[in-house]
Each structure stands twice: as structure tokens, then as C-alpha cells.
Amino acid sequence: MRTVFSKSFIKAAKKFSGKIKKSLRDVIEEVEKADSIDELTDCKKLINYRYVYWLRMGDYRLFFIFHWDIENDLIVFEYLLPRGEAYGKKNKDNLRDKDL
């Protein structure tokens, strides 16, 4: 699958180092090698959203938008957040705006 990264995702990813950075690299590599969304480990669809999913990476959540019917299996990584911030109202509202 093709992957694209938002500015906020890249900014958050640059703050990591060591094991967490390697884990992030492994997760992204797994996504790029997958033939379908069902092959991804620890991946769930957000309830009441059409295209928004999240991946678990330890204490972090990677939120992405999966456009399989719009742009041939394009995954847009939007947010990389700690678990405590991941499900806040602000982040959910921002994802809802992008869930077209």
C-alpha cells in the first residue's frame, strides 16, 4: 500500500529515538508491505468513521485514513499521539473533518 504522512505526523515522529523509532519504522514497513487492511497487526477502525483507523504501537496510537475506494489503497498517516491524548475531543473532531 502507498503511504503519505501529514506534517503533524512527521513532527511527532522526529521526536522519537531508540527503540520507539525502530518500532515506528517497523509498523510503517508492515503497512507498506500489506496487501489489505486485514493483514495489519493491532489495527482497528474507529467507530462512527468511514475511513479512519488506528494502529497500536506500545503506548502510542497511529491514526490514519485509508482510501481504498478513492485512490487505490492509499494510507494517509494523520496523527501519532500518546494513548492518553489520542482519544481527546479535539483530535476526534479533526479526524472527523478529514473523514470525507
C-alpha atoms as a PDB file:
ATOM      1  CA  MET A   1       0.000   0.000   0.000  1.00  0.00           C
ATOM      2  CA  ARG A   2       1.107   3.536  -0.650  1.00  0.00           C
ATOM      3  CA  THR A   3       1.685   5.768   2.380  1.00  0.00           C
ATOM      4  CA  VAL A   4       1.626   9.539   2.840  1.00  0.00           C
ATOM      5  CA  PHE A   5       2.427  11.403   6.055  1.00  0.00           C
ATOM      6  CA  SER A   6       0.905  14.627   7.380  1.00  0.00           C
ATOM      7  CA  LYS A   7       3.096  17.416   8.770  1.00  0.00           C
ATOM      8  CA  SER A   8       1.906  16.741  12.325  1.00  0.00           C
ATOM      9  CA  PHE A   9       2.741  13.029  11.993  1.00  0.00           C
ATOM     10  CA  ILE A  10       6.267  13.802  10.730  1.00  0.00           C
ATOM     11  CA  LYS A  11       6.806  16.362  13.500  1.00  0.00           C
ATOM     12  CA  ALA A  12       5.795  13.837  16.176  1.00  0.00           C
ATOM     13  CA  ALA A  13       7.906  11.064  14.611  1.00  0.00           C
ATOM     14  CA  LYS A  14      11.053  13.225  14.622  1.00  0.00           C
ATOM     15  CA  LYS A  15      10.886  13.459  18.426  1.00  0.00           C
ATOM     16  CA  PHE A  16      11.410   9.707  18.837  1.00  0.00           C
ATOM     17  CA  SER A  17      14.690   7.893  19.262  1.00  0.00           C
ATOM     18  CA  GLY A  18      15.970   4.413  20.017  1.00  0.00           C
ATOM     19  CA  LYS A  19      13.509   1.536  20.380  1.00  0.00           C
ATOM     20  CA  ILE A  20      10.423   3.662  19.762  1.00  0.00           C
ATOM     21  CA  LYS A  21      11.822   4.962  16.476  1.00  0.00           C
ATOM     22  CA  LYS A  22      12.620   1.397  15.394  1.00  0.00           C
ATOM     23  CA  SER A  23       9.101   0.281  16.348  1.00  0.00           C
ATOM     24  CA  LEU A  24       7.637   3.119  14.292  1.00  0.00           C
ATOM     25  CA  ARG A  25       9.792   2.165  11.330  1.00  0.00           C
ATOM     26  CA  ASP A  26       8.660  -1.477  11.661  1.00  0.00           C
ATOM     27  CA  VAL A  27       4.965  -0.508  11.812  1.00  0.00           C
ATOM     28  CA  ILE A  28       5.228   1.701   8.727  1.00  0.00           C
ATOM     29  CA  GLU A  29       7.108  -1.026   6.880  1.00  0.00           C
ATOM     30  CA  GLU A  30       4.387  -3.544   7.798  1.00  0.00           C
ATOM     31  CA  VAL A  31       1.723  -1.187   6.431  1.00  0.00           C
ATOM     32  CA  GLU A  32       3.592  -0.660   3.166  1.00  0.00           C
ATOM     33  CA  LYS A  33       4.045  -4.415   2.641  1.00  0.00           C
ATOM     34  CA  ALA A  34       0.432  -5.332   3.471  1.00  0.00           C
ATOM     35  CA  ASP A  35      -1.934  -6.187   0.633  1.00  0.00           C
ATOM     36  CA  SER A  36      -5.051  -5.341   2.645  1.00  0.00           C
ATOM     37  CA  ILE A  37      -6.057  -3.647   5.868  1.00  0.00           C
ATOM     38  CA  ASP A  38      -6.923  -7.035   7.396  1.00  0.00           C
ATOM     39  CA  GLU A  39      -3.257  -8.068   7.392  1.00  0.00           C
ATOM     40  CA  LEU A  40      -2.198  -5.302   9.794  1.00  0.00           C
ATOM     41  CA  THR A  41      -1.423  -6.194  13.426  1.00  0.00           C
ATOM     42  CA  ASP A  42      -3.237  -4.222  16.163  1.00  0.00           C
ATOM     43  CA  CYS A  43      -5.285  -2.242  13.640  1.00  0.00           C
ATOM     44  CA  LYS A  44      -8.843  -1.162  14.390  1.00  0.00           C
ATOM     45  CA  LYS A  45     -11.408   1.006  12.662  1.00  0.00           C
ATOM     46  CA  LEU A  46     -12.721   3.932  14.686  1.00  0.00           C
ATOM     47  CA  ILE A  47     -16.432   3.630  15.380  1.00  0.00           C
ATOM     48  CA  ASN A  48     -18.667   6.136  13.534  1.00  0.00           C
ATOM     49  CA  TYR A  49     -15.967   6.980  10.975  1.00  0.00           C
ATOM     50  CA  ARG A  50     -15.881   5.841   7.361  1.00  0.00           C
ATOM     51  CA  TYR A  51     -12.148   5.717   6.613  1.00  0.00           C
ATOM     52  CA  VAL A  52     -10.297   6.353   9.898  1.00  0.00           C
ATOM     53  CA  TYR A  53      -8.288   3.563  11.543  1.00  0.00           C
ATOM     54  CA  TRP A  54      -5.695   3.365  14.273  1.00  0.00           C
ATOM     55  CA  LEU A  55      -2.668   1.182  14.916  1.00  0.00           C
ATOM     56  CA  ARG A  56      -1.311   0.430  18.368  1.00  0.00           C
ATOM     57  CA  MET A  57       2.423   0.880  18.900  1.00  0.00           C
ATOM     58  CA  GLY A  58       3.077   0.404  22.604  1.00  0.00           C
ATOM     59  CA  ASP A  59       1.749   3.480  24.410  1.00  0.00           C
ATOM     60  CA  TYR A  60       1.248   5.364  21.141  1.00  0.00           C
ATOM     61  CA  ARG A  61      -1.546   5.371  18.574  1.00  0.00           C
ATOM     62  CA  LEU A  62      -1.044   5.979  14.860  1.00  0.00           C
ATOM     63  CA  PHE A  63      -4.209   7.352  13.289  1.00  0.00           C
ATOM     64  CA  PHE A  64      -4.579   7.020   9.557  1.00  0.00           C
ATOM     65  CA  ILE A  65      -7.107   7.429   6.801  1.00  0.00           C
ATOM     66  CA  PHE A  66      -7.433   4.501   4.422  1.00  0.00           C
ATOM     67  CA  HIS A  67      -8.771   5.472   0.975  1.00  0.00           C
ATOM     68  CA  TRP A  68      -9.199   2.116  -0.736  1.00  0.00           C
ATOM     69  CA  ASP A  69     -12.078   3.142  -2.962  1.00  0.00           C
ATOM     70  CA  ILE A  70     -10.837   6.634  -3.778  1.00  0.00           C
ATOM     71  CA  GLU A  71      -7.149   6.333  -4.552  1.00  0.00           C
ATOM     72  CA  ASN A  72      -6.094   2.669  -4.886  1.00  0.00           C
ATOM     73  CA  ASP A  73      -5.051   1.678  -1.368  1.00  0.00           C
ATOM     74  CA  LEU A  74      -3.641   4.999  -0.193  1.00  0.00           C
ATOM     75  CA  ILE A  75      -2.935   5.344   3.530  1.00  0.00           C
ATOM     76  CA  VAL A  76      -2.567   8.853   4.910  1.00  0.00           C
ATOM     77  CA  PHE A  77      -0.986   8.871   8.375  1.00  0.00           C
ATOM     78  CA  GLU A  78      -2.517  11.859  10.169  1.00  0.00           C
ATOM     79  CA  TYR A  79      -1.557  11.673  13.854  1.00  0.00           C
ATOM     80  CA  LEU A  80       0.966   9.972  16.106  1.00  0.00           C
ATOM     81  CA  LEU A  81      -0.163  10.502  19.679  1.00  0.00           C
ATOM     82  CA  PRO A  82       0.370   9.071  23.150  1.00  0.00           C
ATOM     83  CA  ARG A  83      -2.535   6.903  24.269  1.00  0.00           C
ATOM     84  CA  GLY A  84      -3.747   9.467  26.824  1.00  0.00           C
ATOM     85  CA  GLU A  85      -4.130  12.217  24.200  1.00  0.00           C
ATOM     86  CA  ALA A  86      -5.260  10.029  21.320  1.00  0.00           C
ATOM     87  CA  TYR A  87      -8.968   9.938  22.040  1.00  0.00           C
ATOM     88  CA  GLY A  88      -9.494  13.562  23.086  1.00  0.00           C
ATOM     89  CA  LYS A  89     -12.340  15.607  21.629  1.00  0.00           C
ATOM     90  CA  LYS A  90     -10.030  17.915  19.665  1.00  0.00           C
ATOM     91  CA  ASN A  91      -8.298  15.041  17.885  1.00  0.00           C
ATOM     92  CA  LYS A  92     -11.570  13.245  17.157  1.00  0.00           C
ATOM     93  CA  ASP A  93     -13.070  16.431  15.693  1.00  0.00           C
ATOM     94  CA  ASN A  94     -10.015  16.927  13.473  1.00  0.00           C
ATOM     95  CA  LEU A  95     -10.248  13.328  12.244  1.00  0.00           C
ATOM     96  CA  ARG A  96     -13.974  13.695  11.596  1.00  0.00           C
ATOM     97  CA  ASP A  97     -13.248  16.732   9.384  1.00  0.00           C
ATOM     98  CA  LYS A  98     -10.789  14.650   7.325  1.00  0.00           C
ATOM     99  CA  ASP A  99     -13.084  11.605   7.108  1.00  0.00           C
ATOM    100  CA  LEU A 100     -14.645  12.551   3.791  1.00  0.00           C
END
